[in-house]
Amino acid sequence: MSVGQDGKPSREALVEELRAWGLLALDRLDPLVGRMTAVLSTPADAAAGTDACTACPICAALAGPGRTDALAEAARHATGLLAALRVALAADSPAEPAADPPVRSERVVQHIPVERTPTC
């Protein structure tokens, strides 16, 4: 990791390390999402003979009757999200930092008249 003049890691080095960690996480998530998509894309008739996990409340809630369409849609969106993240993280050059917003010379406020009434 490259170090700046003050002895701290440079911004570019931190960005590269975060990008590497992000790609590593995507590499770990891809097989899980792939298996989830494969299981959910099988027809209901073929999956009827398989034993569904209902031992834990999470599996019972997510894999309950009538929820396979929602899970298949979630798996499809997860696949797209992972692909988009991989493209964003695999960019050859880091994106230019966002420009600072313009600084206003004076503070803009809205004056609202307040009428106070006596309380009991």
N, C-alpha and C. Protein backbone atom coordinates (compact mmCIF):
# COMPACT_ATOMS: atom_id res chain seq x y z
N MET A 1 0.85 -1.16 0.00
CA MET A 1 0.00 0.00 0.00
C MET A 1 0.90 1.22 0.00
N SER A 2 0.63 2.17 -0.88
CA SER A 2 1.46 3.36 -0.93
C SER A 2 1.09 4.31 0.20
N VAL A 3 2.09 5.02 0.65
CA VAL A 3 1.94 5.91 1.80
C VAL A 3 2.15 7.34 1.35
N GLY A 4 1.32 8.24 1.88
CA GLY A 4 1.43 9.64 1.53
C GLY A 4 2.53 10.32 2.32
N GLN A 5 2.65 11.65 2.18
CA GLN A 5 3.70 12.41 2.84
C GLN A 5 3.55 12.39 4.36
N ASP A 6 2.32 12.28 4.85
CA ASP A 6 2.11 12.30 6.30
C ASP A 6 2.23 10.93 6.94
N GLY A 7 2.62 9.92 6.18
CA GLY A 7 2.80 8.58 6.71
C GLY A 7 1.52 7.75 6.72
N LYS A 8 0.44 8.31 6.26
CA LYS A 8 -0.83 7.59 6.20
C LYS A 8 -1.02 7.03 4.80
N PRO A 9 -1.84 5.98 4.66
CA PRO A 9 -2.08 5.43 3.32
C PRO A 9 -2.72 6.47 2.41
N SER A 10 -2.33 6.44 1.15
CA SER A 10 -2.88 7.40 0.20
C SER A 10 -4.31 7.03 -0.15
N ARG A 11 -5.04 8.00 -0.66
CA ARG A 11 -6.44 7.79 -1.03
C ARG A 11 -6.57 6.72 -2.10
N GLU A 12 -5.67 6.75 -3.08
CA GLU A 12 -5.73 5.79 -4.17
C GLU A 12 -5.52 4.37 -3.66
N ALA A 13 -4.60 4.21 -2.70
CA ALA A 13 -4.35 2.88 -2.15
C ALA A 13 -5.57 2.37 -1.39
N LEU A 14 -6.22 3.25 -0.64
CA LEU A 14 -7.43 2.85 0.07
C LEU A 14 -8.55 2.47 -0.89
N VAL A 15 -8.69 3.23 -1.96
CA VAL A 15 -9.72 2.92 -2.96
C VAL A 15 -9.46 1.57 -3.60
N GLU A 16 -8.20 1.30 -3.94
CA GLU A 16 -7.86 0.02 -4.55
C GLU A 16 -8.10 -1.14 -3.59
N GLU A 17 -7.78 -0.95 -2.32
CA GLU A 17 -8.00 -2.01 -1.35
C GLU A 17 -9.50 -2.27 -1.15
N LEU A 18 -10.29 -1.20 -1.08
CA LEU A 18 -11.75 -1.38 -0.96
C LEU A 18 -12.32 -2.06 -2.20
N ARG A 19 -11.80 -1.71 -3.37
CA ARG A 19 -12.25 -2.35 -4.61
C ARG A 19 -11.93 -3.84 -4.58
N ALA A 20 -10.74 -4.19 -4.12
CA ALA A 20 -10.35 -5.61 -4.03
C ALA A 20 -11.25 -6.35 -3.04
N TRP A 21 -11.54 -5.75 -1.91
CA TRP A 21 -12.44 -6.39 -0.93
C TRP A 21 -13.84 -6.56 -1.52
N GLY A 22 -14.32 -5.56 -2.25
CA GLY A 22 -15.64 -5.67 -2.88
C GLY A 22 -15.70 -6.79 -3.90
N LEU A 23 -14.66 -6.91 -4.72
CA LEU A 23 -14.62 -7.99 -5.71
C LEU A 23 -14.53 -9.36 -5.03
N LEU A 24 -13.79 -9.44 -3.93
CA LEU A 24 -13.71 -10.69 -3.18
C LEU A 24 -15.08 -11.08 -2.63
N ALA A 25 -15.80 -10.11 -2.10
CA ALA A 25 -17.14 -10.38 -1.58
C ALA A 25 -18.07 -10.84 -2.71
N LEU A 26 -17.96 -10.23 -3.87
CA LEU A 26 -18.78 -10.65 -5.01
C LEU A 26 -18.44 -12.06 -5.45
N ASP A 27 -17.16 -12.40 -5.42
CA ASP A 27 -16.75 -13.76 -5.78
C ASP A 27 -17.36 -14.78 -4.82
N ARG A 28 -17.49 -14.41 -3.56
CA ARG A 28 -18.09 -15.31 -2.57
C ARG A 28 -19.60 -15.39 -2.72
N LEU A 29 -20.24 -14.31 -3.12
CA LEU A 29 -21.70 -14.28 -3.23
C LEU A 29 -22.22 -14.90 -4.52
N ASP A 30 -21.44 -14.84 -5.59
CA ASP A 30 -21.89 -15.36 -6.89
C ASP A 30 -22.35 -16.82 -6.83
N PRO A 31 -21.60 -17.75 -6.23
CA PRO A 31 -22.08 -19.13 -6.20
C PRO A 31 -23.38 -19.29 -5.40
N LEU A 32 -23.51 -18.55 -4.32
CA LEU A 32 -24.73 -18.62 -3.51
C LEU A 32 -25.94 -18.16 -4.31
N VAL A 33 -25.82 -17.03 -4.96
CA VAL A 33 -26.94 -16.51 -5.76
C VAL A 33 -27.20 -17.44 -6.95
N GLY A 34 -26.16 -18.00 -7.53
CA GLY A 34 -26.35 -18.95 -8.64
C GLY A 34 -27.13 -20.19 -8.21
N ARG A 35 -26.77 -20.73 -7.04
CA ARG A 35 -27.51 -21.90 -6.53
C ARG A 35 -28.95 -21.53 -6.21
N MET A 36 -29.15 -20.36 -5.62
CA MET A 36 -30.50 -19.92 -5.29
C MET A 36 -31.34 -19.77 -6.55
N THR A 37 -30.76 -19.19 -7.58
CA THR A 37 -31.48 -19.02 -8.84
C THR A 37 -31.79 -20.37 -9.47
N ALA A 38 -30.83 -21.30 -9.44
CA ALA A 38 -31.05 -22.62 -10.04
C ALA A 38 -32.15 -23.38 -9.31
N VAL A 39 -32.14 -23.32 -8.00
CA VAL A 39 -33.16 -24.03 -7.22
C VAL A 39 -34.54 -23.43 -7.47
N LEU A 40 -34.61 -22.12 -7.52
CA LEU A 40 -35.90 -21.47 -7.66
C LEU A 40 -36.43 -21.51 -9.09
N SER A 41 -35.55 -21.77 -10.05
CA SER A 41 -36.02 -21.81 -11.44
C SER A 41 -36.52 -23.19 -11.84
N THR A 42 -36.33 -24.21 -10.98
CA THR A 42 -36.84 -25.53 -11.31
C THR A 42 -38.35 -25.52 -11.19
N PRO A 43 -39.04 -26.25 -12.05
CA PRO A 43 -40.49 -26.28 -11.98
C PRO A 43 -40.97 -26.83 -10.64
N ALA A 44 -42.16 -26.41 -10.23
CA ALA A 44 -42.71 -26.82 -8.94
C ALA A 44 -42.92 -28.33 -8.89
N ASP A 45 -43.26 -28.96 -10.02
CA ASP A 45 -43.49 -30.40 -10.05
C ASP A 45 -42.20 -31.17 -9.74
N ALA A 46 -41.06 -30.68 -10.27
CA ALA A 46 -39.79 -31.36 -10.03
C ALA A 46 -39.31 -31.15 -8.60
N ALA A 47 -39.64 -29.99 -8.04
CA ALA A 47 -39.18 -29.68 -6.68
C ALA A 47 -40.12 -30.23 -5.62
N ALA A 48 -41.26 -30.77 -6.03
CA ALA A 48 -42.25 -31.25 -5.05
C ALA A 48 -41.71 -32.42 -4.25
N GLY A 49 -40.85 -33.23 -4.82
CA GLY A 49 -40.33 -34.38 -4.12
C GLY A 49 -39.19 -34.06 -3.18
N THR A 50 -38.62 -32.86 -3.27
CA THR A 50 -37.50 -32.52 -2.41
C THR A 50 -38.00 -32.05 -1.06
N ASP A 51 -37.20 -32.32 -0.03
CA ASP A 51 -37.58 -31.90 1.31
C ASP A 51 -37.14 -30.45 1.51
N ALA A 52 -38.09 -29.62 1.88
CA ALA A 52 -37.78 -28.22 2.15
C ALA A 52 -37.40 -28.06 3.61
N CYS A 53 -36.44 -27.23 3.84
CA CYS A 53 -36.01 -26.97 5.22
C CYS A 53 -37.07 -26.11 5.89
N THR A 54 -37.64 -26.61 6.94
CA THR A 54 -38.59 -25.83 7.74
C THR A 54 -38.19 -25.84 9.20
N ALA A 55 -36.95 -26.24 9.47
CA ALA A 55 -36.49 -26.34 10.85
C ALA A 55 -36.31 -24.97 11.48
N CYS A 56 -35.84 -24.02 10.73
CA CYS A 56 -35.64 -22.69 11.30
C CYS A 56 -36.73 -21.75 10.80
N PRO A 57 -37.04 -20.73 11.57
CA PRO A 57 -38.12 -19.81 11.17
C PRO A 57 -37.82 -19.05 9.89
N ILE A 58 -36.54 -18.82 9.59
CA ILE A 58 -36.20 -18.08 8.38
C ILE A 58 -36.56 -18.90 7.15
N CYS A 59 -36.17 -20.20 7.14
CA CYS A 59 -36.50 -21.05 6.00
C CYS A 59 -38.02 -21.23 5.90
N ALA A 60 -38.67 -21.41 7.03
CA ALA A 60 -40.12 -21.59 7.01
C ALA A 60 -40.82 -20.36 6.45
N ALA A 61 -40.31 -19.18 6.79
CA ALA A 61 -40.94 -17.95 6.31
C ALA A 61 -40.64 -17.70 4.83
N LEU A 62 -39.40 -17.96 4.42
CA LEU A 62 -39.02 -17.66 3.04
C LEU A 62 -39.41 -18.74 2.05
N ALA A 63 -39.43 -19.99 2.49
CA ALA A 63 -39.70 -21.09 1.57
C ALA A 63 -41.10 -21.64 1.76
N GLY A 64 -41.95 -20.90 2.39
CA GLY A 64 -43.32 -21.36 2.61
C GLY A 64 -44.10 -21.44 1.31
N PRO A 65 -45.30 -21.99 1.39
CA PRO A 65 -46.12 -22.13 0.18
C PRO A 65 -46.45 -20.76 -0.43
N GLY A 66 -46.37 -20.69 -1.74
CA GLY A 66 -46.71 -19.47 -2.46
C GLY A 66 -45.63 -18.41 -2.47
N ARG A 67 -44.48 -18.68 -1.91
CA ARG A 67 -43.42 -17.68 -1.85
C ARG A 67 -42.33 -17.90 -2.90
N THR A 68 -42.42 -18.95 -3.67
CA THR A 68 -41.35 -19.24 -4.63
C THR A 68 -41.26 -18.18 -5.72
N ASP A 69 -42.38 -17.59 -6.12
CA ASP A 69 -42.32 -16.55 -7.14
C ASP A 69 -41.57 -15.32 -6.62
N ALA A 70 -41.84 -14.95 -5.38
CA ALA A 70 -41.15 -13.80 -4.79
C ALA A 70 -39.66 -14.08 -4.64
N LEU A 71 -39.33 -15.30 -4.22
CA LEU A 71 -37.92 -15.65 -4.07
C LEU A 71 -37.21 -15.70 -5.42
N ALA A 72 -37.89 -16.20 -6.44
CA ALA A 72 -37.28 -16.24 -7.77
C ALA A 72 -37.04 -14.83 -8.29
N GLU A 73 -37.96 -13.93 -8.02
CA GLU A 73 -37.78 -12.53 -8.43
C GLU A 73 -36.63 -11.90 -7.66
N ALA A 74 -36.54 -12.18 -6.36
CA ALA A 74 -35.42 -11.65 -5.56
C ALA A 74 -34.09 -12.19 -6.06
N ALA A 75 -34.06 -13.47 -6.43
CA ALA A 75 -32.82 -14.06 -6.96
C ALA A 75 -32.44 -13.41 -8.29
N ARG A 76 -33.43 -13.13 -9.12
CA ARG A 76 -33.15 -12.49 -10.40
C ARG A 76 -32.58 -11.08 -10.19
N HIS A 77 -33.17 -10.34 -9.25
CA HIS A 77 -32.67 -8.99 -8.96
C HIS A 77 -31.28 -9.05 -8.32
N ALA A 78 -31.04 -10.03 -7.47
CA ALA A 78 -29.73 -10.17 -6.84
C ALA A 78 -28.66 -10.45 -7.89
N THR A 79 -28.99 -11.27 -8.88
CA THR A 79 -28.04 -11.56 -9.95
C THR A 79 -27.70 -10.29 -10.72
N GLY A 80 -28.71 -9.50 -11.04
CA GLY A 80 -28.47 -8.24 -11.74
C GLY A 80 -27.67 -7.25 -10.91
N LEU A 81 -27.97 -7.19 -9.61
CA LEU A 81 -27.25 -6.28 -8.74
C LEU A 81 -25.78 -6.67 -8.63
N LEU A 82 -25.53 -7.96 -8.48
CA LEU A 82 -24.13 -8.42 -8.39
C LEU A 82 -23.38 -8.12 -9.69
N ALA A 83 -24.04 -8.30 -10.82
CA ALA A 83 -23.39 -8.00 -12.11
C ALA A 83 -23.08 -6.51 -12.22
N ALA A 84 -24.00 -5.67 -11.81
CA ALA A 84 -23.77 -4.23 -11.87
C ALA A 84 -22.65 -3.81 -10.93
N LEU A 85 -22.62 -4.38 -9.74
CA LEU A 85 -21.54 -4.06 -8.80
C LEU A 85 -20.19 -4.52 -9.33
N ARG A 86 -20.17 -5.68 -9.97
CA ARG A 86 -18.91 -6.18 -10.52
C ARG A 86 -18.39 -5.25 -11.63
N VAL A 87 -19.29 -4.76 -12.47
CA VAL A 87 -18.88 -3.84 -13.53
C VAL A 87 -18.37 -2.54 -12.92
N ALA A 88 -19.05 -2.05 -11.89
CA ALA A 88 -18.64 -0.79 -11.27
C ALA A 88 -17.29 -0.94 -10.56
N LEU A 89 -17.07 -2.07 -9.91
CA LEU A 89 -15.82 -2.27 -9.17
C LEU A 89 -14.66 -2.65 -10.07
N ALA A 90 -14.94 -3.24 -11.21
CA ALA A 90 -13.87 -3.69 -12.10
C ALA A 90 -13.41 -2.62 -13.07
N ALA A 91 -13.83 -1.39 -12.86
CA ALA A 91 -13.40 -0.31 -13.75
C ALA A 91 -11.88 -0.20 -13.70
N ASP A 92 -11.28 0.00 -14.87
CA ASP A 92 -9.82 0.07 -14.94
C ASP A 92 -9.26 1.28 -14.22
N SER A 93 -9.93 2.41 -14.38
CA SER A 93 -9.43 3.61 -13.71
C SER A 93 -10.48 4.10 -12.73
N PRO A 94 -10.04 4.59 -11.59
CA PRO A 94 -11.01 5.08 -10.62
C PRO A 94 -11.75 6.29 -11.16
N ALA A 95 -12.98 6.43 -10.74
CA ALA A 95 -13.79 7.55 -11.20
C ALA A 95 -13.24 8.85 -10.64
N GLU A 96 -13.47 9.91 -11.36
CA GLU A 96 -13.04 11.22 -10.88
C GLU A 96 -13.86 11.57 -9.64
N PRO A 97 -13.23 12.17 -8.65
CA PRO A 97 -13.99 12.56 -7.47
C PRO A 97 -15.05 13.60 -7.84
N ALA A 98 -16.15 13.55 -7.13
CA ALA A 98 -17.24 14.49 -7.40
C ALA A 98 -16.78 15.91 -7.10
N ALA A 99 -17.21 16.81 -7.94
CA ALA A 99 -16.85 18.21 -7.74
C ALA A 99 -17.59 18.73 -6.51
N ASP A 100 -16.93 19.65 -5.81
CA ASP A 100 -17.56 20.24 -4.63
C ASP A 100 -18.75 21.07 -5.07
N PRO A 101 -19.82 21.07 -4.27
CA PRO A 101 -20.98 21.90 -4.64
C PRO A 101 -20.60 23.37 -4.57
N PRO A 102 -21.26 24.19 -5.37
CA PRO A 102 -20.93 25.61 -5.34
C PRO A 102 -21.22 26.20 -3.95
N VAL A 103 -20.36 27.08 -3.53
CA VAL A 103 -20.51 27.71 -2.23
C VAL A 103 -21.27 29.01 -2.40
N ARG A 104 -22.32 29.17 -1.60
CA ARG A 104 -23.08 30.42 -1.66
C ARG A 104 -22.44 31.44 -0.75
N SER A 105 -22.46 32.68 -1.20
CA SER A 105 -21.82 33.72 -0.41
C SER A 105 -22.65 34.07 0.82
N GLU A 106 -23.95 33.90 0.75
CA GLU A 106 -24.79 34.19 1.89
C GLU A 106 -25.75 33.03 2.14
N ARG A 107 -26.19 32.95 3.34
CA ARG A 107 -27.10 31.87 3.73
C ARG A 107 -28.52 32.21 3.28
N VAL A 108 -29.19 31.25 2.67
CA VAL A 108 -30.55 31.46 2.20
C VAL A 108 -31.51 30.88 3.23
N VAL A 109 -32.38 31.74 3.76
CA VAL A 109 -33.37 31.29 4.73
C VAL A 109 -34.72 31.88 4.37
N GLN A 110 -35.75 31.25 4.85
CA GLN A 110 -37.09 31.75 4.65
C GLN A 110 -37.60 32.26 5.99
N HIS A 111 -38.00 33.51 6.02
CA HIS A 111 -38.51 34.10 7.26
C HIS A 111 -39.99 33.79 7.39
N ILE A 112 -40.35 33.17 8.50
CA ILE A 112 -41.74 32.79 8.75
C ILE A 112 -42.21 33.53 10.00
N PRO A 113 -43.27 34.33 9.87
CA PRO A 113 -43.77 35.03 11.05
C PRO A 113 -44.43 34.04 12.02
N VAL A 114 -44.16 34.20 13.30
CA VAL A 114 -44.71 33.33 14.32
C VAL A 114 -45.55 34.19 15.26
N GLU A 115 -46.81 33.82 15.41
CA GLU A 115 -47.69 34.53 16.32
C GLU A 115 -47.88 33.66 17.54
N ARG A 116 -47.53 34.18 18.68
CA ARG A 116 -47.67 33.43 19.94
C ARG A 116 -48.95 33.86 20.63
N THR A 117 -49.67 32.88 21.11
CA THR A 117 -50.88 33.18 21.87
C THR A 117 -50.65 32.75 23.31
N PRO A 118 -51.26 33.46 24.24
CA PRO A 118 -51.08 33.08 25.64
C PRO A 118 -51.71 31.73 25.92
N THR A 119 -51.08 30.96 26.76
CA THR A 119 -51.63 29.66 27.16
C THR A 119 -52.31 29.82 28.50
N CYS A 120 -53.12 28.89 28.89
CA CYS A 120 -53.88 28.95 30.14
C CYS A 120 -53.04 29.07 31.33
